[in-house]
């Protein structure tokens, strides 16, 4: 399996994502949206950075259960109820990403939404990984 991250010079330099990821492998893992719920299904009542970290940890737990690791992520979509807050915390969110998932960024998008399934949740992440 290999993931080739492409960031063409004619596009603005990416910060916290890759413009394109070419994936070659034999197993595709589709990861359901994960929010800041604990193992009992209770939401973390905290701010966006803390909820982002929990949601990312949950996404990575699902990926590990499928036999993958953070470097196998080809795509992650972030849904947030407050894009302005997400932008304001971008540096801190990046630090939390690197601590949990490393420096190899997948192709990413951030999408503003009115609300998530669990009203207390501020952010949700889903993803796609390619395993050997």
C-alpha atoms as a PDB file:
ATOM      1  CA  UNK A   1       0.000   0.000   0.000  1.00  0.00           C
ATOM      2  CA  UNK A   2       1.159   3.494  -0.660  1.00  0.00           C
ATOM      3  CA  UNK A   3      -0.226   6.982  -0.340  1.00  0.00           C
ATOM      4  CA  UNK A   4       1.390   9.681  -2.418  1.00  0.00           C
ATOM      5  CA  UNK A   5       0.579  13.179  -1.192  1.00  0.00           C
ATOM      6  CA  UNK A   6       0.599  15.785  -3.955  1.00  0.00           C
ATOM      7  CA  UNK A   7       0.774  19.527  -3.393  1.00  0.00           C
ATOM      8  CA  UNK A   8       1.265  21.229  -6.767  1.00  0.00           C
ATOM      9  CA  UNK A   9       3.287  24.450  -6.811  1.00  0.00           C
ATOM     10  CA  UNK A  10       0.501  26.283  -8.679  1.00  0.00           C
ATOM     11  CA  UNK A  11      -1.860  25.841  -5.689  1.00  0.00           C
ATOM     12  CA  UNK A  12      -1.554  27.726  -2.427  1.00  0.00           C
ATOM     13  CA  UNK A  13       0.638  25.916   0.114  1.00  0.00           C
ATOM     14  CA  UNK A  14      -1.532  23.559   2.192  1.00  0.00           C
ATOM     15  CA  UNK A  15      -1.708  23.967   5.942  1.00  0.00           C
ATOM     16  CA  UNK A  16      -3.017  20.904   7.753  1.00  0.00           C
ATOM     17  CA  UNK A  17      -4.096  18.993   4.635  1.00  0.00           C
ATOM     18  CA  UNK A  18      -2.829  17.673   1.297  1.00  0.00           C
ATOM     19  CA  UNK A  19      -4.318  18.897  -1.994  1.00  0.00           C
ATOM     20  CA  UNK A  20      -4.414  15.379  -3.448  1.00  0.00           C
ATOM     21  CA  UNK A  21      -3.643  11.868  -2.250  1.00  0.00           C
ATOM     22  CA  UNK A  22      -3.037   9.033  -4.688  1.00  0.00           C
ATOM     23  CA  UNK A  23      -3.809   5.737  -2.948  1.00  0.00           C
ATOM     24  CA  UNK A  24      -2.645   2.325  -4.052  1.00  0.00           C
ATOM     25  CA  UNK A  25      -3.602  -0.683  -1.974  1.00  0.00           C
ATOM     26  CA  UNK A  26      -5.916  -3.613  -1.640  1.00  0.00           C
ATOM     27  CA  UNK A  27      -8.288  -2.729   1.228  1.00  0.00           C
ATOM     28  CA  UNK A  28     -10.521   0.311   1.382  1.00  0.00           C
ATOM     29  CA  UNK A  29     -11.770   1.309   4.833  1.00  0.00           C
ATOM     30  CA  UNK A  30     -14.734   3.670   4.990  1.00  0.00           C
ATOM     31  CA  UNK A  31     -14.875   5.302   8.413  1.00  0.00           C
ATOM     32  CA  UNK A  32     -18.218   6.492   9.758  1.00  0.00           C
ATOM     33  CA  UNK A  33     -18.555   9.953  11.225  1.00  0.00           C
ATOM     34  CA  UNK A  34     -17.175  10.177  14.741  1.00  0.00           C
ATOM     35  CA  UNK A  35     -18.028  12.838  17.288  1.00  0.00           C
ATOM     36  CA  UNK A  36     -16.859  13.476  20.827  1.00  0.00           C
ATOM     37  CA  UNK A  37     -18.818  10.580  22.354  1.00  0.00           C
ATOM     38  CA  UNK A  38     -17.279   8.357  25.018  1.00  0.00           C
ATOM     39  CA  UNK A  39     -17.610   4.552  25.073  1.00  0.00           C
ATOM     40  CA  UNK A  40     -20.995   4.917  26.809  1.00  0.00           C
ATOM     41  CA  UNK A  41     -22.322   7.228  24.098  1.00  0.00           C
ATOM     42  CA  UNK A  42     -22.115  10.319  26.268  1.00  0.00           C
ATOM     43  CA  UNK A  43     -20.883  13.523  24.607  1.00  0.00           C
ATOM     44  CA  UNK A  44     -17.836  15.332  25.935  1.00  0.00           C
ATOM     45  CA  UNK A  45     -19.121  18.624  27.225  1.00  0.00           C
ATOM     46  CA  UNK A  46     -16.162  20.794  26.304  1.00  0.00           C
ATOM     47  CA  UNK A  47     -14.986  23.270  23.711  1.00  0.00           C
ATOM     48  CA  UNK A  48     -14.268  22.636  20.063  1.00  0.00           C
ATOM     49  CA  UNK A  49     -10.550  21.728  20.460  1.00  0.00           C
ATOM     50  CA  UNK A  50     -11.303  19.092  23.089  1.00  0.00           C
ATOM     51  CA  UNK A  51     -14.213  17.718  21.068  1.00  0.00           C
ATOM     52  CA  UNK A  52     -12.047  17.630  17.932  1.00  0.00           C
ATOM     53  CA  UNK A  53      -9.412  15.607  19.779  1.00  0.00           C
ATOM     54  CA  UNK A  54     -11.985  13.106  21.077  1.00  0.00           C
ATOM     55  CA  UNK A  55     -13.625  12.780  17.641  1.00  0.00           C
ATOM     56  CA  UNK A  56     -10.216  12.218  16.022  1.00  0.00           C
ATOM     57  CA  UNK A  57      -9.280   9.653  18.679  1.00  0.00           C
ATOM     58  CA  UNK A  58     -12.579   7.861  18.001  1.00  0.00           C
ATOM     59  CA  UNK A  59     -11.941   7.908  14.239  1.00  0.00           C
ATOM     60  CA  UNK A  60      -8.442   6.488  14.776  1.00  0.00           C
ATOM     61  CA  UNK A  61      -9.818   3.787  17.102  1.00  0.00           C
ATOM     62  CA  UNK A  62     -12.192   2.659  14.342  1.00  0.00           C
ATOM     63  CA  UNK A  63      -9.311   2.722  11.853  1.00  0.00           C
ATOM     64  CA  UNK A  64      -7.086   0.649  14.152  1.00  0.00           C
ATOM     65  CA  UNK A  65      -9.914  -1.871  14.612  1.00  0.00           C
ATOM     66  CA  UNK A  66      -9.818  -2.331  10.822  1.00  0.00           C
ATOM     67  CA  UNK A  67      -6.059  -2.916  10.953  1.00  0.00           C
ATOM     68  CA  UNK A  68      -5.015   0.568   9.886  1.00  0.00           C
ATOM     69  CA  UNK A  69      -2.974   3.405  11.300  1.00  0.00           C
ATOM     70  CA  UNK A  70      -3.161   7.191  10.928  1.00  0.00           C
ATOM     71  CA  UNK A  71      -0.776   7.220   7.958  1.00  0.00           C
ATOM     72  CA  UNK A  72      -3.310   5.119   6.004  1.00  0.00           C
ATOM     73  CA  UNK A  73      -5.882   7.930   5.955  1.00  0.00           C
ATOM     74  CA  UNK A  74      -6.398   9.146   2.405  1.00  0.00           C
ATOM     75  CA  UNK A  75      -9.336  11.471   3.098  1.00  0.00           C
ATOM     76  CA  UNK A  76     -10.967  13.070   6.143  1.00  0.00           C
ATOM     77  CA  UNK A  77     -14.009  15.326   6.127  1.00  0.00           C
ATOM     78  CA  UNK A  78     -14.619  17.600   9.115  1.00  0.00           C
ATOM     79  CA  UNK A  79     -18.144  18.804   9.805  1.00  0.00           C
ATOM     80  CA  UNK A  80     -18.476  21.655  12.285  1.00  0.00           C
ATOM     81  CA  UNK A  81     -21.330  23.704  13.650  1.00  0.00           C
ATOM     82  CA  UNK A  82     -19.045  26.760  13.891  1.00  0.00           C
ATOM     83  CA  UNK A  83     -16.581  27.330  11.051  1.00  0.00           C
ATOM     84  CA  UNK A  84     -15.401  30.618  12.601  1.00  0.00           C
ATOM     85  CA  UNK A  85     -14.461  28.819  15.834  1.00  0.00           C
ATOM     86  CA  UNK A  86     -12.760  26.079  13.816  1.00  0.00           C
ATOM     87  CA  UNK A  87     -10.656  28.684  11.994  1.00  0.00           C
ATOM     88  CA  UNK A  88      -9.898  30.511  15.251  1.00  0.00           C
ATOM     89  CA  UNK A  89      -8.598  27.258  16.789  1.00  0.00           C
ATOM     90  CA  UNK A  90      -6.861  25.984  13.627  1.00  0.00           C
ATOM     91  CA  UNK A  91      -3.358  26.112  15.133  1.00  0.00           C
ATOM     92  CA  UNK A  92      -4.406  24.209  18.263  1.00  0.00           C
ATOM     93  CA  UNK A  93      -6.372  21.692  16.193  1.00  0.00           C
ATOM     94  CA  UNK A  94      -3.273  21.127  14.073  1.00  0.00           C
ATOM     95  CA  UNK A  95      -1.202  20.435  17.188  1.00  0.00           C
ATOM     96  CA  UNK A  96      -3.774  17.949  18.406  1.00  0.00           C
ATOM     97  CA  UNK A  97      -3.869  16.283  14.951  1.00  0.00           C
ATOM     98  CA  UNK A  98      -0.074  15.923  14.858  1.00  0.00           C
ATOM     99  CA  UNK A  99       0.025  14.483  18.390  1.00  0.00           C
ATOM    100  CA  UNK A 100      -2.559  11.799  17.552  1.00  0.00           C
ATOM    101  CA  UNK A 101      -2.125  11.232  13.819  1.00  0.00           C
ATOM    102  CA  UNK A 102       1.325  12.491  12.864  1.00  0.00           C
ATOM    103  CA  UNK A 103       2.453  14.850  10.129  1.00  0.00           C
ATOM    104  CA  UNK A 104       1.145  12.996   7.056  1.00  0.00           C
ATOM    105  CA  UNK A 105      -2.068  14.825   6.224  1.00  0.00           C
ATOM    106  CA  UNK A 106      -4.836  13.303   4.113  1.00  0.00           C
ATOM    107  CA  UNK A 107      -6.909  15.233   1.618  1.00  0.00           C
ATOM    108  CA  UNK A 108      -9.344  17.164   3.822  1.00  0.00           C
ATOM    109  CA  UNK A 109     -12.387  19.399   3.727  1.00  0.00           C
ATOM    110  CA  UNK A 110     -14.126  21.382   6.465  1.00  0.00           C
ATOM    111  CA  UNK A 111     -17.871  21.777   6.035  1.00  0.00           C
ATOM    112  CA  UNK A 112     -20.124  24.013   8.120  1.00  0.00           C
ATOM    113  CA  UNK A 113     -23.370  22.399   9.231  1.00  0.00           C
ATOM    114  CA  UNK A 114     -26.407  23.624  11.128  1.00  0.00           C
ATOM    115  CA  UNK A 115     -26.154  20.837  13.722  1.00  0.00           C
ATOM    116  CA  UNK A 116     -24.922  17.309  14.221  1.00  0.00           C
ATOM    117  CA  UNK A 117     -26.849  14.197  15.285  1.00  0.00           C
ATOM    118  CA  UNK A 118     -25.923  14.781  18.924  1.00  0.00           C
ATOM    119  CA  UNK A 119     -26.807  18.418  19.587  1.00  0.00           C
ATOM    120  CA  UNK A 120     -24.002  18.855  22.148  1.00  0.00           C
ATOM    121  CA  UNK A 121     -21.366  17.931  19.579  1.00  0.00           C
ATOM    122  CA  UNK A 122     -19.559  20.713  17.738  1.00  0.00           C
ATOM    123  CA  UNK A 123     -17.489  18.643  15.303  1.00  0.00           C
ATOM    124  CA  UNK A 124     -17.639  15.320  13.463  1.00  0.00           C
ATOM    125  CA  UNK A 125     -14.955  13.577  11.396  1.00  0.00           C
ATOM    126  CA  UNK A 126     -15.361  10.820   8.843  1.00  0.00           C
ATOM    127  CA  UNK A 127     -12.705   9.297   6.671  1.00  0.00           C
ATOM    128  CA  UNK A 128     -11.428   6.920   4.062  1.00  0.00           C
ATOM    129  CA  UNK A 129      -8.266   4.855   4.454  1.00  0.00           C
ATOM    130  CA  UNK A 130      -6.398   2.545   2.116  1.00  0.00           C
ATOM    131  CA  UNK A 131      -4.653  -0.478   3.659  1.00  0.00           C
ATOM    132  CA  UNK A 132      -2.233  -2.954   2.081  1.00  0.00           C
END
